[in-house]
């Protein structure tokens, strides 16, 4: 993944904090997929995350990496 692509994606998502939740993930992915798919991506760790209790904590850089590879 090139630095140019990373910088572009970071600029595109600059309004999001460094760690996001599942609702914000859905918005970052363009609100184009349903909640079931969001949680499937998180449970399978296709997008790296940490689950504490019933909440998911997702590093923004992991969302960017997911988008760059897909």
PDB file of N, CA and C in Angstrom:
ATOM      1  N   UNK A   1       0.851  -1.163   0.000  1.00  0.00           N
ATOM      2  CA  UNK A   1       0.000   0.000   0.000  1.00  0.00           C
ATOM      3  C   UNK A   1       0.903   1.234   0.000  1.00  0.00           C
ATOM      4  N   UNK A   2       0.649   2.129  -0.895  1.00  0.00           N
ATOM      5  CA  UNK A   2       1.530   3.297  -1.003  1.00  0.00           C
ATOM      6  C   UNK A   2       1.172   4.371   0.014  1.00  0.00           C
ATOM      7  N   UNK A   3       2.180   5.192   0.312  1.00  0.00           N
ATOM      8  CA  UNK A   3       1.965   6.303   1.255  1.00  0.00           C
ATOM      9  C   UNK A   3       0.942   7.285   0.720  1.00  0.00           C
ATOM     10  N   UNK A   4       0.901   7.449  -0.609  1.00  0.00           N
ATOM     11  CA  UNK A   4      -0.059   8.375  -1.222  1.00  0.00           C
ATOM     12  C   UNK A   4      -1.483   7.918  -0.931  1.00  0.00           C
ATOM     13  N   UNK A   5      -1.747   6.625  -1.095  1.00  0.00           N
ATOM     14  CA  UNK A   5      -3.082   6.093  -0.832  1.00  0.00           C
ATOM     15  C   UNK A   5      -3.465   6.233   0.637  1.00  0.00           C
ATOM     16  N   UNK A   6      -2.516   5.938   1.524  1.00  0.00           N
ATOM     17  CA  UNK A   6      -2.778   6.066   2.961  1.00  0.00           C
ATOM     18  C   UNK A   6      -3.093   7.520   3.298  1.00  0.00           C
ATOM     19  N   UNK A   7      -2.292   8.443   2.792  1.00  0.00           N
ATOM     20  CA  UNK A   7      -2.511   9.860   3.076  1.00  0.00           C
ATOM     21  C   UNK A   7      -3.863  10.324   2.558  1.00  0.00           C
ATOM     22  N   UNK A   8      -4.236   9.862   1.371  1.00  0.00           N
ATOM     23  CA  UNK A   8      -5.536  10.228   0.793  1.00  0.00           C
ATOM     24  C   UNK A   8      -6.670   9.714   1.688  1.00  0.00           C
ATOM     25  N   UNK A   9      -6.579   8.458   2.104  1.00  0.00           N
ATOM     26  CA  UNK A   9      -7.622   7.869   2.931  1.00  0.00           C
ATOM     27  C   UNK A   9      -7.688   8.545   4.298  1.00  0.00           C
ATOM     28  N   UNK A  10      -6.532   8.844   4.870  1.00  0.00           N
ATOM     29  CA  UNK A  10      -6.532   9.530   6.161  1.00  0.00           C
ATOM     30  C   UNK A  10      -7.179  10.911   6.045  1.00  0.00           C
ATOM     31  N   UNK A  11      -6.911  11.586   4.955  1.00  0.00           N
ATOM     32  CA  UNK A  11      -7.525  12.898   4.722  1.00  0.00           C
ATOM     33  C   UNK A  11      -9.039  12.752   4.545  1.00  0.00           C
ATOM     34  N   UNK A  12      -9.445  11.711   3.828  1.00  0.00           N
ATOM     35  CA  UNK A  12     -10.852  11.478   3.558  1.00  0.00           C
ATOM     36  C   UNK A  12     -11.636  11.205   4.852  1.00  0.00           C
ATOM     37  N   UNK A  13     -10.998  10.555   5.820  1.00  0.00           N
ATOM     38  CA  UNK A  13     -11.665  10.182   7.069  1.00  0.00           C
ATOM     39  C   UNK A  13     -11.178  11.007   8.256  1.00  0.00           C
ATOM     40  N   UNK A  14     -10.679  12.205   8.003  1.00  0.00           N
ATOM     41  CA  UNK A  14     -10.091  13.005   9.082  1.00  0.00           C
ATOM     42  C   UNK A  14     -11.098  13.401  10.162  1.00  0.00           C
ATOM     43  N   UNK A  15     -12.396  13.415   9.846  1.00  0.00           N
ATOM     44  CA  UNK A  15     -13.388  13.800  10.852  1.00  0.00           C
ATOM     45  C   UNK A  15     -13.643  12.687  11.873  1.00  0.00           C
ATOM     46  N   UNK A  16     -13.141  11.481  11.602  1.00  0.00           N
ATOM     47  CA  UNK A  16     -13.311  10.363  12.535  1.00  0.00           C
ATOM     48  C   UNK A  16     -12.122  10.291  13.484  1.00  0.00           C
ATOM     49  N   UNK A  17     -12.389   9.881  14.714  1.00  0.00           N
ATOM     50  CA  UNK A  17     -11.306   9.721  15.680  1.00  0.00           C
ATOM     51  C   UNK A  17     -10.457   8.504  15.309  1.00  0.00           C
ATOM     52  N   UNK A  18      -9.358   8.313  15.998  1.00  0.00           N
ATOM     53  CA  UNK A  18      -8.445   7.211  15.692  1.00  0.00           C
ATOM     54  C   UNK A  18      -9.054   5.842  15.977  1.00  0.00           C
ATOM     55  N   UNK A  19     -10.018   5.802  16.864  1.00  0.00           N
ATOM     56  CA  UNK A  19     -10.736   4.562  17.183  1.00  0.00           C
ATOM     57  C   UNK A  19     -12.221   4.843  17.009  1.00  0.00           C
ATOM     58  N   UNK A  20     -12.875   3.995  16.225  1.00  0.00           N
ATOM     59  CA  UNK A  20     -14.294   4.204  15.914  1.00  0.00           C
ATOM     60  C   UNK A  20     -15.136   3.047  16.444  1.00  0.00           C
ATOM     61  N   UNK A  21     -16.455   3.197  16.343  1.00  0.00           N
ATOM     62  CA  UNK A  21     -17.370   2.130  16.738  1.00  0.00           C
ATOM     63  C   UNK A  21     -18.058   1.560  15.489  1.00  0.00           C
ATOM     64  N   UNK A  22     -18.919   0.575  15.687  1.00  0.00           N
ATOM     65  CA  UNK A  22     -19.571  -0.105  14.560  1.00  0.00           C
ATOM     66  C   UNK A  22     -20.456   0.843  13.750  1.00  0.00           C
ATOM     67  N   UNK A  23     -21.132   1.750  14.417  1.00  0.00           N
ATOM     68  CA  UNK A  23     -22.002   2.707  13.716  1.00  0.00           C
ATOM     69  C   UNK A  23     -21.169   3.613  12.806  1.00  0.00           C
ATOM     70  N   UNK A  24     -20.032   4.076  13.318  1.00  0.00           N
ATOM     71  CA  UNK A  24     -19.151   4.911  12.509  1.00  0.00           C
ATOM     72  C   UNK A  24     -18.539   4.115  11.358  1.00  0.00           C
ATOM     73  N   UNK A  25     -18.230   2.833  11.608  1.00  0.00           N
ATOM     74  CA  UNK A  25     -17.703   1.974  10.544  1.00  0.00           C
ATOM     75  C   UNK A  25     -18.683   1.913   9.382  1.00  0.00           C
ATOM     76  N   UNK A  26     -19.949   1.744   9.693  1.00  0.00           N
ATOM     77  CA  UNK A  26     -20.977   1.685   8.651  1.00  0.00           C
ATOM     78  C   UNK A  26     -20.983   2.974   7.834  1.00  0.00           C
ATOM     79  N   UNK A  27     -20.849   4.109   8.492  1.00  0.00           N
ATOM     80  CA  UNK A  27     -20.796   5.392   7.787  1.00  0.00           C
ATOM     81  C   UNK A  27     -19.546   5.495   6.914  1.00  0.00           C
ATOM     82  N   UNK A  28     -18.410   5.037   7.448  1.00  0.00           N
ATOM     83  CA  UNK A  28     -17.158   5.090   6.678  1.00  0.00           C
ATOM     84  C   UNK A  28     -17.234   4.237   5.418  1.00  0.00           C
ATOM     85  N   UNK A  29     -17.998   3.150   5.493  1.00  0.00           N
ATOM     86  CA  UNK A  29     -18.144   2.269   4.337  1.00  0.00           C
ATOM     87  C   UNK A  29     -19.262   2.741   3.415  1.00  0.00           C
ATOM     88  N   UNK A  30     -19.699   3.946   3.616  1.00  0.00           N
ATOM     89  CA  UNK A  30     -20.671   4.559   2.722  1.00  0.00           C
ATOM     90  C   UNK A  30     -22.107   4.204   2.997  1.00  0.00           C
ATOM     91  N   UNK A  31     -22.364   3.618   4.172  1.00  0.00           N
ATOM     92  CA  UNK A  31     -23.730   3.248   4.531  1.00  0.00           C
ATOM     93  C   UNK A  31     -24.362   2.336   3.480  1.00  0.00           C
ATOM     94  N   UNK A  32     -23.509   1.574   2.784  1.00  0.00           N
ATOM     95  CA  UNK A  32     -23.989   0.741   1.682  1.00  0.00           C
ATOM     96  C   UNK A  32     -24.234  -0.703   2.073  1.00  0.00           C
ATOM     97  N   UNK A  33     -23.819  -1.085   3.274  1.00  0.00           N
ATOM     98  CA  UNK A  33     -24.034  -2.463   3.710  1.00  0.00           C
ATOM     99  C   UNK A  33     -24.822  -2.451   5.011  1.00  0.00           C
ATOM    100  N   UNK A  34     -25.487  -3.536   5.255  1.00  0.00           N
ATOM    101  CA  UNK A  34     -26.350  -3.618   6.431  1.00  0.00           C
ATOM    102  C   UNK A  34     -25.590  -3.929   7.704  1.00  0.00           C
ATOM    103  N   UNK A  35     -26.307  -3.825   8.802  1.00  0.00           N
ATOM    104  CA  UNK A  35     -25.715  -4.097  10.110  1.00  0.00           C
ATOM    105  C   UNK A  35     -25.204  -5.526  10.226  1.00  0.00           C
ATOM    106  N   UNK A  36     -25.921  -6.475   9.644  1.00  0.00           N
ATOM    107  CA  UNK A  36     -25.475  -7.869   9.714  1.00  0.00           C
ATOM    108  C   UNK A  36     -24.099  -8.034   9.087  1.00  0.00           C
ATOM    109  N   UNK A  37     -23.866  -7.415   7.953  1.00  0.00           N
ATOM    110  CA  UNK A  37     -22.564  -7.507   7.280  1.00  0.00           C
ATOM    111  C   UNK A  37     -21.487  -6.792   8.097  1.00  0.00           C
ATOM    112  N   UNK A  38     -21.820  -5.660   8.687  1.00  0.00           N
ATOM    113  CA  UNK A  38     -20.864  -4.941   9.540  1.00  0.00           C
ATOM    114  C   UNK A  38     -20.387  -5.861  10.655  1.00  0.00           C
ATOM    115  N   UNK A  39     -21.321  -6.497  11.346  1.00  0.00           N
ATOM    116  CA  UNK A  39     -20.945  -7.357  12.467  1.00  0.00           C
ATOM    117  C   UNK A  39     -20.261  -8.627  11.995  1.00  0.00           C
ATOM    118  N   UNK A  40     -20.583  -9.096  10.807  1.00  0.00           N
ATOM    119  CA  UNK A  40     -19.883 -10.243  10.232  1.00  0.00           C
ATOM    120  C   UNK A  40     -18.404  -9.891   9.986  1.00  0.00           C
ATOM    121  N   UNK A  41     -18.155  -8.708   9.428  1.00  0.00           N
ATOM    122  CA  UNK A  41     -16.778  -8.249   9.194  1.00  0.00           C
ATOM    123  C   UNK A  41     -16.010  -8.133  10.511  1.00  0.00           C
ATOM    124  N   UNK A  42     -16.685  -7.684  11.548  1.00  0.00           N
ATOM    125  CA  UNK A  42     -16.031  -7.512  12.839  1.00  0.00           C
ATOM    126  C   UNK A  42     -15.802  -8.851  13.542  1.00  0.00           C
ATOM    127  N   UNK A  43     -16.807  -9.713  13.550  1.00  0.00           N
ATOM    128  CA  UNK A  43     -16.669 -11.007  14.226  1.00  0.00           C
ATOM    129  C   UNK A  43     -15.619 -11.885  13.564  1.00  0.00           C
ATOM    130  N   UNK A  44     -15.503 -11.796  12.248  1.00  0.00           N
ATOM    131  CA  UNK A  44     -14.514 -12.604  11.526  1.00  0.00           C
ATOM    132  C   UNK A  44     -13.120 -11.983  11.578  1.00  0.00           C
ATOM    133  N   UNK A  45     -13.031 -10.779  12.129  1.00  0.00           N
ATOM    134  CA  UNK A  45     -11.779 -10.010  12.214  1.00  0.00           C
ATOM    135  C   UNK A  45     -11.252  -9.629  10.831  1.00  0.00           C
ATOM    136  N   UNK A  46     -12.141  -9.635   9.821  1.00  0.00           N
ATOM    137  CA  UNK A  46     -11.746  -9.150   8.502  1.00  0.00           C
ATOM    138  C   UNK A  46     -11.317  -7.687   8.604  1.00  0.00           C
ATOM    139  N   UNK A  47     -11.962  -6.970   9.495  1.00  0.00           N
ATOM    140  CA  UNK A  47     -11.513  -5.650   9.910  1.00  0.00           C
ATOM    141  C   UNK A  47     -11.121  -5.806  11.373  1.00  0.00           C
ATOM    142  N   UNK A  48      -9.823  -5.618  11.660  1.00  0.00           N
ATOM    143  CA  UNK A  48      -9.324  -5.818  13.019  1.00  0.00           C
ATOM    144  C   UNK A  48     -10.068  -4.925  14.010  1.00  0.00           C
ATOM    145  N   UNK A  49     -10.355  -5.482  15.177  1.00  0.00           N
ATOM    146  CA  UNK A  49     -11.065  -4.738  16.213  1.00  0.00           C
ATOM    147  C   UNK A  49     -10.841  -5.398  17.557  1.00  0.00           C
ATOM    148  N   UNK A  50     -11.231  -4.704  18.598  1.00  0.00           N
ATOM    149  CA  UNK A  50     -11.264  -5.257  19.953  1.00  0.00           C
ATOM    150  C   UNK A  50     -12.697  -5.122  20.449  1.00  0.00           C
ATOM    151  N   UNK A  51     -13.203  -6.200  21.009  1.00  0.00           N
ATOM    152  CA  UNK A  51     -14.551  -6.170  21.566  1.00  0.00           C
ATOM    153  C   UNK A  51     -14.428  -6.170  23.083  1.00  0.00           C
ATOM    154  N   UNK A  52     -15.062  -5.199  23.704  1.00  0.00           N
ATOM    155  CA  UNK A  52     -15.100  -5.107  25.158  1.00  0.00           C
ATOM    156  C   UNK A  52     -16.569  -5.049  25.547  1.00  0.00           C
ATOM    157  N   UNK A  53     -17.000  -6.075  26.246  1.00  0.00           N
ATOM    158  CA  UNK A  53     -18.426  -6.195  26.556  1.00  0.00           C
ATOM    159  C   UNK A  53     -19.181  -6.431  25.264  1.00  0.00           C
ATOM    160  N   UNK A  54     -20.118  -5.562  24.961  1.00  0.00           N
ATOM    161  CA  UNK A  54     -20.864  -5.701  23.706  1.00  0.00           C
ATOM    162  C   UNK A  54     -20.500  -4.595  22.708  1.00  0.00           C
ATOM    163  N   UNK A  55     -19.389  -3.906  22.949  1.00  0.00           N
ATOM    164  CA  UNK A  55     -18.975  -2.814  22.068  1.00  0.00           C
ATOM    165  C   UNK A  55     -17.701  -3.161  21.323  1.00  0.00           C
ATOM    166  N   UNK A  56     -17.666  -2.744  20.066  1.00  0.00           N
ATOM    167  CA  UNK A  56     -16.489  -2.941  19.230  1.00  0.00           C
ATOM    168  C   UNK A  56     -15.701  -1.639  19.146  1.00  0.00           C
ATOM    169  N   UNK A  57     -14.387  -1.771  19.246  1.00  0.00           N
ATOM    170  CA  UNK A  57     -13.468  -0.648  19.102  1.00  0.00           C
ATOM    171  C   UNK A  57     -12.571  -0.954  17.915  1.00  0.00           C
ATOM    172  N   UNK A  58     -12.647  -0.118  16.882  1.00  0.00           N
ATOM    173  CA  UNK A  58     -11.985  -0.383  15.610  1.00  0.00           C
ATOM    174  C   UNK A  58     -10.991   0.736  15.312  1.00  0.00           C
ATOM    175  N   UNK A  59      -9.704   0.407  15.192  1.00  0.00           N
ATOM    176  CA  UNK A  59      -8.743   1.443  14.803  1.00  0.00           C
ATOM    177  C   UNK A  59      -9.049   1.939  13.383  1.00  0.00           C
ATOM    178  N   UNK A  60      -9.089   3.240  13.222  1.00  0.00           N
ATOM    179  CA  UNK A  60      -9.401   3.824  11.910  1.00  0.00           C
ATOM    180  C   UNK A  60      -8.441   3.321  10.832  1.00  0.00           C
ATOM    181  N   UNK A  61      -7.171   3.158  11.172  1.00  0.00           N
ATOM    182  CA  UNK A  61      -6.188   2.697  10.190  1.00  0.00           C
ATOM    183  C   UNK A  61      -6.539   1.300   9.672  1.00  0.00           C
ATOM    184  N   UNK A  62      -7.184   0.480  10.490  1.00  0.00           N
ATOM    185  CA  UNK A  62      -7.584  -0.865  10.047  1.00  0.00           C
ATOM    186  C   UNK A  62      -8.711  -0.800   9.027  1.00  0.00           C
ATOM    187  N   UNK A  63      -9.571   0.173   9.157  1.00  0.00           N
ATOM    188  CA  UNK A  63     -10.634   0.376   8.155  1.00  0.00           C
ATOM    189  C   UNK A  63      -9.998   0.827   6.842  1.00  0.00           C
ATOM    190  N   UNK A  64      -9.042   1.726   6.935  1.00  0.00           N
ATOM    191  CA  UNK A  64      -8.348   2.202   5.734  1.00  0.00           C
ATOM    192  C   UNK A  64      -7.625   1.052   5.050  1.00  0.00           C
ATOM    193  N   UNK A  65      -6.948   0.212   5.828  1.00  0.00           N
ATOM    194  CA  UNK A  65      -6.259  -0.947   5.252  1.00  0.00           C
ATOM    195  C   UNK A  65      -7.243  -1.890   4.581  1.00  0.00           C
ATOM    196  N   UNK A  66      -8.383  -2.115   5.208  1.00  0.00           N
ATOM    197  CA  UNK A  66      -9.419  -2.975   4.622  1.00  0.00           C
ATOM    198  C   UNK A  66      -9.893  -2.421   3.283  1.00  0.00           C
ATOM    199  N   UNK A  67     -10.134  -1.126   3.228  1.00  0.00           N
ATOM    200  CA  UNK A  67     -10.600  -0.514   1.984  1.00  0.00           C
ATOM    201  C   UNK A  67      -9.536  -0.553   0.888  1.00  0.00           C
ATOM    202  N   UNK A  68      -8.290  -0.402   1.273  1.00  0.00           N
ATOM    203  CA  UNK A  68      -7.207  -0.389   0.286  1.00  0.00           C
ATOM    204  C   UNK A  68      -6.991  -1.787  -0.322  1.00  0.00           C
ATOM    205  N   UNK A  69      -7.235  -2.824   0.437  1.00  0.00           N
ATOM    206  CA  UNK A  69      -7.012  -4.163  -0.101  1.00  0.00           C
ATOM    207  C   UNK A  69      -8.226  -4.724  -0.837  1.00  0.00           C
ATOM    208  N   UNK A  70      -9.386  -4.106  -0.647  1.00  0.00           N
ATOM    209  CA  UNK A  70     -10.609  -4.615  -1.283  1.00  0.00           C
ATOM    210  C   UNK A  70     -11.104  -3.712  -2.362  1.00  0.00           C
TER     211      UNK A  70
END
